[in-house]
Amino acid sequence: MEEKFIPGRLVCSTAGRDRGEFYLVLRLLSPNMVQVVNGEERTILAPKKKNVKHLQPYPQLAGEVAEKTSTGQKITDLEIKKALERLLAEVQARV
């Protein structure tokens, strides 16, 4: 079974004040909790902690973010923003 919430995965919030906002998963905290970022309000230094049951995962994956996270390299907010914009364009192109 494929892991739904891996670093770099595109997700959309389905509950809370941020409902409808798109994020990238930064890291898995536990089987039920992840940290998400968008490079603007939720930066690398201030990620949002979300319960996975309040997130809708998408099949799109930011490979560069996933690779840098797995190798321990530094990720910038600009990289997050660009990857998020690219993935959202993919999603909108499919609709």
PDB file of N, CA and C in Angstrom:
ATOM      1  N   MET A   1       0.837  -1.191   0.000  1.00  0.00           N
ATOM      2  CA  MET A   1       0.000   0.000   0.000  1.00  0.00           C
ATOM      3  C   MET A   1       0.878   1.249   0.000  1.00  0.00           C
ATOM      4  N   GLU A   2       0.549   2.200  -0.865  1.00  0.00           N
ATOM      5  CA  GLU A   2       1.326   3.431  -0.961  1.00  0.00           C
ATOM      6  C   GLU A   2       1.004   4.329   0.228  1.00  0.00           C
ATOM      7  N   GLU A   3       2.044   4.950   0.771  1.00  0.00           N
ATOM      8  CA  GLU A   3       1.871   5.892   1.872  1.00  0.00           C
ATOM      9  C   GLU A   3       1.276   7.178   1.312  1.00  0.00           C
ATOM     10  N   LYS A   4       0.148   7.631   1.867  1.00  0.00           N
ATOM     11  CA  LYS A   4      -0.530   8.822   1.353  1.00  0.00           C
ATOM     12  C   LYS A   4       0.162  10.117   1.741  1.00  0.00           C
ATOM     13  N   PHE A   5       0.671  10.184   2.948  1.00  0.00           N
ATOM     14  CA  PHE A   5       1.200  11.442   3.456  1.00  0.00           C
ATOM     15  C   PHE A   5       2.714  11.369   3.621  1.00  0.00           C
ATOM     16  N   ILE A   6       3.412  11.493   2.504  1.00  0.00           N
ATOM     17  CA  ILE A   6       4.870  11.485   2.528  1.00  0.00           C
ATOM     18  C   ILE A   6       5.357  12.904   2.246  1.00  0.00           C
ATOM     19  N   PRO A   7       6.578  13.251   2.640  1.00  0.00           N
ATOM     20  CA  PRO A   7       7.088  14.597   2.360  1.00  0.00           C
ATOM     21  C   PRO A   7       7.023  14.920   0.869  1.00  0.00           C
ATOM     22  N   GLY A   8       6.532  16.115   0.572  1.00  0.00           N
ATOM     23  CA  GLY A   8       6.398  16.558  -0.805  1.00  0.00           C
ATOM     24  C   GLY A   8       5.021  16.339  -1.403  1.00  0.00           C
ATOM     25  N   ARG A   9       4.151  15.603  -0.724  1.00  0.00           N
ATOM     26  CA  ARG A   9       2.804  15.309  -1.244  1.00  0.00           C
ATOM     27  C   ARG A   9       1.935  16.570  -1.212  1.00  0.00           C
ATOM     28  N   LEU A  10       1.189  16.810  -2.278  1.00  0.00           N
ATOM     29  CA  LEU A  10       0.237  17.909  -2.341  1.00  0.00           C
ATOM     30  C   LEU A  10      -1.021  17.502  -1.569  1.00  0.00           C
ATOM     31  N   VAL A  11      -1.466  18.371  -0.657  1.00  0.00           N
ATOM     32  CA  VAL A  11      -2.677  18.110   0.123  1.00  0.00           C
ATOM     33  C   VAL A  11      -3.525  19.374   0.191  1.00  0.00           C
ATOM     34  N   CYS A  12      -4.808  19.179   0.448  1.00  0.00           N
ATOM     35  CA  CYS A  12      -5.734  20.290   0.627  1.00  0.00           C
ATOM     36  C   CYS A  12      -6.420  20.126   1.983  1.00  0.00           C
ATOM     37  N   SER A  13      -6.506  21.210   2.722  1.00  0.00           N
ATOM     38  CA  SER A  13      -7.171  21.173   4.024  1.00  0.00           C
ATOM     39  C   SER A  13      -8.671  21.070   3.838  1.00  0.00           C
ATOM     40  N   THR A  14      -9.306  20.147   4.576  1.00  0.00           N
ATOM     41  CA  THR A  14     -10.748  19.961   4.471  1.00  0.00           C
ATOM     42  C   THR A  14     -11.494  20.445   5.711  1.00  0.00           C
ATOM     43  N   ALA A  15     -10.763  20.888   6.728  1.00  0.00           N
ATOM     44  CA  ALA A  15     -11.410  21.342   7.964  1.00  0.00           C
ATOM     45  C   ALA A  15     -10.558  22.421   8.614  1.00  0.00           C
ATOM     46  N   GLY A  16     -11.220  23.262   9.367  1.00  0.00           N
ATOM     47  CA  GLY A  16     -10.521  24.324  10.082  1.00  0.00           C
ATOM     48  C   GLY A  16     -10.639  25.651   9.349  1.00  0.00           C
ATOM     49  N   ARG A  17      -9.998  26.672   9.905  1.00  0.00           N
ATOM     50  CA  ARG A  17     -10.046  28.003   9.298  1.00  0.00           C
ATOM     51  C   ARG A  17      -9.349  28.051   7.949  1.00  0.00           C
ATOM     52  N   ASP A  18      -8.454  27.103   7.724  1.00  0.00           N
ATOM     53  CA  ASP A  18      -7.710  27.074   6.463  1.00  0.00           C
ATOM     54  C   ASP A  18      -8.341  26.133   5.433  1.00  0.00           C
ATOM     55  N   ARG A  19      -9.613  25.789   5.597  1.00  0.00           N
ATOM     56  CA  ARG A  19     -10.311  24.886   4.665  1.00  0.00           C
ATOM     57  C   ARG A  19     -10.155  25.397   3.232  1.00  0.00           C
ATOM     58  N   GLY A  20      -9.779  24.486   2.328  1.00  0.00           N
ATOM     59  CA  GLY A  20      -9.613  24.845   0.932  1.00  0.00           C
ATOM     60  C   GLY A  20      -8.211  25.285   0.555  1.00  0.00           C
ATOM     61  N   GLU A  21      -7.329  25.425   1.527  1.00  0.00           N
ATOM     62  CA  GLU A  21      -5.947  25.837   1.263  1.00  0.00           C
ATOM     63  C   GLU A  21      -5.104  24.627   0.873  1.00  0.00           C
ATOM     64  N   PHE A  22      -4.184  24.844  -0.056  1.00  0.00           N
ATOM     65  CA  PHE A  22      -3.280  23.786  -0.489  1.00  0.00           C
ATOM     66  C   PHE A  22      -1.938  23.924   0.201  1.00  0.00           C
ATOM     67  N   TYR A  23      -1.346  22.782   0.523  1.00  0.00           N
ATOM     68  CA  TYR A  23      -0.055  22.717   1.199  1.00  0.00           C
ATOM     69  C   TYR A  23       0.764  21.572   0.623  1.00  0.00           C
ATOM     70  N   LEU A  24       2.040  21.553   0.995  1.00  0.00           N
ATOM     71  CA  LEU A  24       2.893  20.398   0.770  1.00  0.00           C
ATOM     72  C   LEU A  24       3.220  19.805   2.123  1.00  0.00           C
ATOM     73  N   VAL A  25       3.240  18.491   2.202  1.00  0.00           N
ATOM     74  CA  VAL A  25       3.619  17.828   3.451  1.00  0.00           C
ATOM     75  C   VAL A  25       5.115  18.023   3.648  1.00  0.00           C
ATOM     76  N   LEU A  26       5.497  18.518   4.812  1.00  0.00           N
ATOM     77  CA  LEU A  26       6.911  18.722   5.129  1.00  0.00           C
ATOM     78  C   LEU A  26       7.482  17.494   5.824  1.00  0.00           C
ATOM     79  N   ARG A  27       6.781  17.020   6.860  1.00  0.00           N
ATOM     80  CA  ARG A  27       7.248  15.814   7.560  1.00  0.00           C
ATOM     81  C   ARG A  27       6.098  15.140   8.275  1.00  0.00           C
ATOM     82  N   LEU A  28       6.270  13.845   8.476  1.00  0.00           N
ATOM     83  CA  LEU A  28       5.301  13.022   9.194  1.00  0.00           C
ATOM     84  C   LEU A  28       5.693  13.026  10.664  1.00  0.00           C
ATOM     85  N   LEU A  29       4.787  13.469  11.543  1.00  0.00           N
ATOM     86  CA  LEU A  29       5.071  13.512  12.981  1.00  0.00           C
ATOM     87  C   LEU A  29       4.662  12.212  13.662  1.00  0.00           C
ATOM     88  N   SER A  30       3.544  11.665  13.229  1.00  0.00           N
ATOM     89  CA  SER A  30       3.027  10.407  13.754  1.00  0.00           C
ATOM     90  C   SER A  30       2.112   9.838  12.670  1.00  0.00           C
ATOM     91  N   PRO A  31       1.550   8.651  12.877  1.00  0.00           N
ATOM     92  CA  PRO A  31       0.637   8.134  11.848  1.00  0.00           C
ATOM     93  C   PRO A  31      -0.577   9.038  11.588  1.00  0.00           C
ATOM     94  N   ASN A  32      -0.922   9.887  12.556  1.00  0.00           N
ATOM     95  CA  ASN A  32      -2.101  10.738  12.409  1.00  0.00           C
ATOM     96  C   ASN A  32      -1.809  12.220  12.243  1.00  0.00           C
ATOM     97  N   MET A  33      -0.553  12.643  12.398  1.00  0.00           N
ATOM     98  CA  MET A  33      -0.220  14.070  12.350  1.00  0.00           C
ATOM     99  C   MET A  33       0.928  14.326  11.377  1.00  0.00           C
ATOM    100  N   VAL A  34       0.788  15.433  10.617  1.00  0.00           N
ATOM    101  CA  VAL A  34       1.846  15.856   9.708  1.00  0.00           C
ATOM    102  C   VAL A  34       2.069  17.360   9.875  1.00  0.00           C
ATOM    103  N   GLN A  35       3.209  17.824   9.380  1.00  0.00           N
ATOM    104  CA  GLN A  35       3.468  19.253   9.296  1.00  0.00           C
ATOM    105  C   GLN A  35       3.356  19.637   7.828  1.00  0.00           C
ATOM    106  N   VAL A  36       2.627  20.731   7.560  1.00  0.00           N
ATOM    107  CA  VAL A  36       2.434  21.187   6.196  1.00  0.00           C
ATOM    108  C   VAL A  36       2.940  22.617   6.040  1.00  0.00           C
ATOM    109  N   VAL A  37       3.369  22.954   4.820  1.00  0.00           N
ATOM    110  CA  VAL A  37       3.891  24.287   4.518  1.00  0.00           C
ATOM    111  C   VAL A  37       3.356  24.747   3.166  1.00  0.00           C
ATOM    112  N   ASN A  38       3.330  26.079   2.978  1.00  0.00           N
ATOM    113  CA  ASN A  38       2.984  26.622   1.660  1.00  0.00           C
ATOM    114  C   ASN A  38       3.971  27.684   1.205  1.00  0.00           C
ATOM    115  N   GLY A  39       4.976  27.990   2.022  1.00  0.00           N
ATOM    116  CA  GLY A  39       6.003  28.955   1.648  1.00  0.00           C
ATOM    117  C   GLY A  39       5.618  30.403   1.889  1.00  0.00           C
ATOM    118  N   GLU A  40       4.378  30.661   2.280  1.00  0.00           N
ATOM    119  CA  GLU A  40       3.939  32.029   2.541  1.00  0.00           C
ATOM    120  C   GLU A  40       3.553  32.184   4.014  1.00  0.00           C
ATOM    121  N   GLU A  41       2.280  31.895   4.336  1.00  0.00           N
ATOM    122  CA  GLU A  41       1.852  31.999   5.741  1.00  0.00           C
ATOM    123  C   GLU A  41       2.488  30.893   6.569  1.00  0.00           C
ATOM    124  N   ARG A  42       2.601  29.721   5.980  1.00  0.00           N
ATOM    125  CA  ARG A  42       3.183  28.570   6.668  1.00  0.00           C
ATOM    126  C   ARG A  42       4.546  28.280   6.045  1.00  0.00           C
ATOM    127  N   THR A  43       5.572  28.792   6.717  1.00  0.00           N
ATOM    128  CA  THR A  43       6.936  28.680   6.208  1.00  0.00           C
ATOM    129  C   THR A  43       7.632  27.452   6.784  1.00  0.00           C
ATOM    130  N   ILE A  44       8.829  27.215   6.310  1.00  0.00           N
ATOM    131  CA  ILE A  44       9.645  26.113   6.812  1.00  0.00           C
ATOM    132  C   ILE A  44       9.887  26.278   8.312  1.00  0.00           C
ATOM    133  N   LEU A  45      10.054  27.514   8.761  1.00  0.00           N
ATOM    134  CA  LEU A  45      10.316  27.767  10.182  1.00  0.00           C
ATOM    135  C   LEU A  45       9.057  27.736  11.038  1.00  0.00           C
ATOM    136  N   ALA A  46       7.877  27.856  10.415  1.00  0.00           N
ATOM    137  CA  ALA A  46       6.617  27.849  11.164  1.00  0.00           C
ATOM    138  C   ALA A  46       5.580  26.983  10.446  1.00  0.00           C
ATOM    139  N   PRO A  47       5.831  25.662  10.343  1.00  0.00           N
ATOM    140  CA  PRO A  47       4.870  24.797   9.650  1.00  0.00           C
ATOM    141  C   PRO A  47       3.597  24.606  10.472  1.00  0.00           C
ATOM    142  N   LYS A  48       2.523  24.252   9.793  1.00  0.00           N
ATOM    143  CA  LYS A  48       1.242  23.994  10.461  1.00  0.00           C
ATOM    144  C   LYS A  48       1.127  22.505  10.748  1.00  0.00           C
ATOM    145  N   LYS A  49       0.720  22.195  11.946  1.00  0.00           N
ATOM    146  CA  LYS A  49       0.487  20.804  12.337  1.00  0.00           C
ATOM    147  C   LYS A  49      -0.974  20.477  12.026  1.00  0.00           C
ATOM    148  N   LYS A  50      -1.198  19.410  11.239  1.00  0.00           N
ATOM    149  CA  LYS A  50      -2.560  19.031  10.851  1.00  0.00           C
ATOM    150  C   LYS A  50      -2.777  17.543  11.073  1.00  0.00           C
ATOM    151  N   ASN A  51      -4.000  17.215  11.461  1.00  0.00           N
ATOM    152  CA  ASN A  51      -4.418  15.826  11.564  1.00  0.00           C
ATOM    153  C   ASN A  51      -4.687  15.332  10.146  1.00  0.00           C
ATOM    154  N   VAL A  52      -4.213  14.145   9.802  1.00  0.00           N
ATOM    155  CA  VAL A  52      -4.368  13.642   8.434  1.00  0.00           C
ATOM    156  C   VAL A  52      -5.834  13.438   8.040  1.00  0.00           C
ATOM    157  N   LYS A  53      -6.721  13.254   9.011  1.00  0.00           N
ATOM    158  CA  LYS A  53      -8.132  13.090   8.655  1.00  0.00           C
ATOM    159  C   LYS A  53      -8.753  14.410   8.195  1.00  0.00           C
ATOM    160  N   HIS A  54      -8.040  15.523   8.377  1.00  0.00           N
ATOM    161  CA  HIS A  54      -8.505  16.828   7.916  1.00  0.00           C
ATOM    162  C   HIS A  54      -7.790  17.263   6.642  1.00  0.00           C
ATOM    163  N   LEU A  55      -7.133  16.321   5.959  1.00  0.00           N
ATOM    164  CA  LEU A  55      -6.410  16.624   4.727  1.00  0.00           C
ATOM    165  C   LEU A  55      -6.841  15.691   3.602  1.00  0.00           C
ATOM    166  N   GLN A  56      -6.958  16.248   2.402  1.00  0.00           N
ATOM    167  CA  GLN A  56      -7.247  15.465   1.198  1.00  0.00           C
ATOM    168  C   GLN A  56      -5.950  15.342   0.411  1.00  0.00           C
ATOM    169  N   PRO A  57      -5.377  14.132   0.315  1.00  0.00           N
ATOM    170  CA  PRO A  57      -4.135  13.982  -0.456  1.00  0.00           C
ATOM    171  C   PRO A  57      -4.407  13.949  -1.957  1.00  0.00           C
ATOM    172  N   TYR A  58      -3.489  14.483  -2.729  1.00  0.00           N
ATOM    173  CA  TYR A  58      -3.547  14.439  -4.185  1.00  0.00           C
ATOM    174  C   TYR A  58      -2.409  13.554  -4.671  1.00  0.00           C
ATOM    175  N   PRO A  59      -2.509  13.026  -5.868  1.00  0.00           N
ATOM    176  CA  PRO A  59      -1.447  12.142  -6.361  1.00  0.00           C
ATOM    177  C   PRO A  59      -0.156  12.882  -6.707  1.00  0.00           C
ATOM    178  N   GLN A  60      -0.225  14.204  -6.858  1.00  0.00           N
ATOM    179  CA  GLN A  60       0.961  14.974  -7.225  1.00  0.00           C
ATOM    180  C   GLN A  60       1.968  14.995  -6.082  1.00  0.00           C
ATOM    181  N   LEU A  61       3.236  14.897  -6.462  1.00  0.00           N
ATOM    182  CA  LEU A  61       4.327  14.868  -5.492  1.00  0.00           C
ATOM    183  C   LEU A  61       5.428  15.795  -5.971  1.00  0.00           C
ATOM    184  N   ALA A  62       5.909  16.664  -5.093  1.00  0.00           N
ATOM    185  CA  ALA A  62       7.045  17.532  -5.406  1.00  0.00           C
ATOM    186  C   ALA A  62       8.308  16.724  -5.129  1.00  0.00           C
ATOM    187  N   GLY A  63       8.844  16.120  -6.172  1.00  0.00           N
ATOM    188  CA  GLY A  63       9.986  15.226  -6.031  1.00  0.00           C
ATOM    189  C   GLY A  63      11.207  15.883  -5.435  1.00  0.00           C
ATOM    190  N   GLU A  64      11.466  17.151  -5.796  1.00  0.00           N
ATOM    191  CA  GLU A  64      12.647  17.837  -5.274  1.00  0.00           C
ATOM    192  C   GLU A  64      12.530  18.067  -3.764  1.00  0.00           C
ATOM    193  N   VAL A  65      11.319  18.341  -3.295  1.00  0.00           N
ATOM    194  CA  VAL A  65      11.104  18.531  -1.853  1.00  0.00           C
ATOM    195  C   VAL A  65      11.250  17.193  -1.139  1.00  0.00           C
ATOM    196  N   ALA A  66      10.677  16.142  -1.709  1.00  0.00           N
ATOM    197  CA  ALA A  66      10.777  14.814  -1.104  1.00  0.00           C
ATOM    198  C   ALA A  66      12.226  14.364  -1.014  1.00  0.00           C
ATOM    199  N   GLU A  67      12.999  14.591  -2.077  1.00  0.00           N
ATOM    200  CA  GLU A  67      14.395  14.162  -2.080  1.00  0.00           C
ATOM    201  C   GLU A  67      15.231  14.947  -1.077  1.00  0.00           C
ATOM    202  N   LYS A  68      15.041  16.271  -1.049  1.00  0.00           N
ATOM    203  CA  LYS A  68      15.814  17.084  -0.102  1.00  0.00           C
ATOM    204  C   LYS A  68      15.469  16.733   1.342  1.00  0.00           C
ATOM    205  N   THR A  69      14.204  16.451   1.610  1.00  0.00           N
ATOM    206  CA  THR A  69      13.795  16.069   2.968  1.00  0.00           C
ATOM    207  C   THR A  69      14.430  14.743   3.366  1.00  0.00           C
ATOM    208  N   SER A  70      14.435  13.788   2.453  1.00  0.00           N
ATOM    209  CA  SER A  70      14.983  12.465   2.782  1.00  0.00           C
ATOM    210  C   SER A  70      16.490  12.484   2.960  1.00  0.00           C
ATOM    211  N   THR A  71      17.181  13.403   2.261  1.00  0.00           N
ATOM    212  CA  THR A  71      18.638  13.468   2.385  1.00  0.00           C
ATOM    213  C   THR A  71      19.099  14.484   3.420  1.00  0.00           C
ATOM    214  N   GLY A  72      18.151  15.213   4.016  1.00  0.00           N
ATOM    215  CA  GLY A  72      18.495  16.164   5.065  1.00  0.00           C
ATOM    216  C   GLY A  72      19.013  17.491   4.553  1.00  0.00           C
ATOM    217  N   GLN A  73      18.812  17.785   3.260  1.00  0.00           N
ATOM    218  CA  GLN A  73      19.250  19.060   2.705  1.00  0.00           C
ATOM    219  C   GLN A  73      18.284  20.169   3.085  1.00  0.00           C
ATOM    220  N   LYS A  74      18.774  21.400   3.027  1.00  0.00           N
ATOM    221  CA  LYS A  74      17.951  22.556   3.374  1.00  0.00           C
ATOM    222  C   LYS A  74      16.971  22.871   2.244  1.00  0.00           C
ATOM    223  N   ILE A  75      15.725  23.163   2.614  1.00  0.00           N
ATOM    224  CA  ILE A  75      14.683  23.543   1.670  1.00  0.00           C
ATOM    225  C   ILE A  75      14.314  24.989   1.969  1.00  0.00           C
ATOM    226  N   THR A  76      14.125  25.788   0.924  1.00  0.00           N
ATOM    227  CA  THR A  76      13.748  27.187   1.134  1.00  0.00           C
ATOM    228  C   THR A  76      12.256  27.372   0.892  1.00  0.00           C
ATOM    229  N   ASP A  77      11.725  28.472   1.422  1.00  0.00           N
ATOM    230  CA  ASP A  77      10.316  28.787   1.213  1.00  0.00           C
ATOM    231  C   ASP A  77      10.040  29.065  -0.258  1.00  0.00           C
ATOM    232  N   LEU A  78      11.003  29.637  -0.965  1.00  0.00           N
ATOM    233  CA  LEU A  78      10.831  29.900  -2.391  1.00  0.00           C
ATOM    234  C   LEU A  78      10.690  28.591  -3.164  1.00  0.00           C
ATOM    235  N   GLU A  79      11.465  27.586  -2.813  1.00  0.00           N
ATOM    236  CA  GLU A  79      11.344  26.270  -3.457  1.00  0.00           C
ATOM    237  C   GLU A  79       9.958  25.670  -3.197  1.00  0.00           C
ATOM    238  N   ILE A  80       9.474  25.831  -1.975  1.00  0.00           N
ATOM    239  CA  ILE A  80       8.140  25.329  -1.614  1.00  0.00           C
ATOM    240  C   ILE A  80       7.078  26.032  -2.454  1.00  0.00           C
ATOM    241  N   LYS A  81       7.153  27.367  -2.542  1.00  0.00           N
ATOM    242  CA  LYS A  81       6.162  28.132  -3.302  1.00  0.00           C
ATOM    243  C   LYS A  81       6.160  27.733  -4.771  1.00  0.00           C
ATOM    244  N   LYS A  82       7.337  27.604  -5.366  1.00  0.00           N
ATOM    245  CA  LYS A  82       7.419  27.239  -6.792  1.00  0.00           C
ATOM    246  C   LYS A  82       6.883  25.828  -7.034  1.00  0.00           C
ATOM    247  N   ALA A  83       7.230  24.896  -6.159  1.00  0.00           N
ATOM    248  CA  ALA A  83       6.744  23.520  -6.307  1.00  0.00           C
ATOM    249  C   ALA A  83       5.223  23.473  -6.145  1.00  0.00           C
ATOM    250  N   LEU A  84       4.703  24.217  -5.183  1.00  0.00           N
ATOM    251  CA  LEU A  84       3.257  24.252  -4.950  1.00  0.00           C
ATOM    252  C   LEU A  84       2.533  24.852  -6.154  1.00  0.00           C
ATOM    253  N   GLU A  85       3.062  25.938  -6.720  1.00  0.00           N
ATOM    254  CA  GLU A  85       2.453  26.551  -7.894  1.00  0.00           C
ATOM    255  C   GLU A  85       2.451  25.575  -9.076  1.00  0.00           C
ATOM    256  N   ARG A  86       3.557  24.859  -9.275  1.00  0.00           N
ATOM    257  CA  ARG A  86       3.666  23.905 -10.376  1.00  0.00           C
ATOM    258  C   ARG A  86       2.644  22.769 -10.215  1.00  0.00           C
ATOM    259  N   LEU A  87       2.532  22.231  -8.995  1.00  0.00           N
ATOM    260  CA  LEU A  87       1.600  21.146  -8.750  1.00  0.00           C
ATOM    261  C   LEU A  87       0.143  21.591  -8.879  1.00  0.00           C
ATOM    262  N   LEU A  88      -0.156  22.804  -8.437  1.00  0.00           N
ATOM    263  CA  LEU A  88      -1.527  23.310  -8.562  1.00  0.00           C
ATOM    264  C   LEU A  88      -1.881  23.527 -10.037  1.00  0.00           C
ATOM    265  N   ALA A  89      -0.918  23.948 -10.847  1.00  0.00           N
ATOM    266  CA  ALA A  89      -1.162  24.098 -12.282  1.00  0.00           C
ATOM    267  C   ALA A  89      -1.471  22.741 -12.903  1.00  0.00           C
ATOM    268  N   GLU A  90      -0.776  21.683 -12.458  1.00  0.00           N
ATOM    269  CA  GLU A  90      -1.044  20.328 -12.942  1.00  0.00           C
ATOM    270  C   GLU A  90      -2.470  19.907 -12.588  1.00  0.00           C
ATOM    271  N   VAL A  91      -2.868  20.169 -11.355  1.00  0.00           N
ATOM    272  CA  VAL A  91      -4.209  19.786 -10.903  1.00  0.00           C
ATOM    273  C   VAL A  91      -5.265  20.514 -11.714  1.00  0.00           C
ATOM    274  N   GLN A  92      -5.079  21.804 -11.929  1.00  0.00           N
ATOM    275  CA  GLN A  92      -6.074  22.591 -12.674  1.00  0.00           C
ATOM    276  C   GLN A  92      -6.104  22.193 -14.148  1.00  0.00           C
ATOM    277  N   ALA A  93      -4.994  21.755 -14.696  1.00  0.00           N
ATOM    278  CA  ALA A  93      -4.949  21.331 -16.093  1.00  0.00           C
ATOM    279  C   ALA A  93      -5.747  20.040 -16.286  1.00  0.00           C
ATOM    280  N   ARG A  94      -5.823  19.230 -15.254  1.00  0.00           N
ATOM    281  CA  ARG A  94      -6.556  17.955 -15.337  1.00  0.00           C
ATOM    282  C   ARG A  94      -8.057  18.143 -15.218  1.00  0.00           C
ATOM    283  N   VAL A  95      -8.480  19.256 -14.635  1.00  0.00           N
ATOM    284  CA  VAL A  95      -9.917  19.483 -14.412  1.00  0.00           C
ATOM    285  C   VAL A  95     -10.590  20.039 -15.617  1.00  0.00           C
TER     286      VAL A  95
END
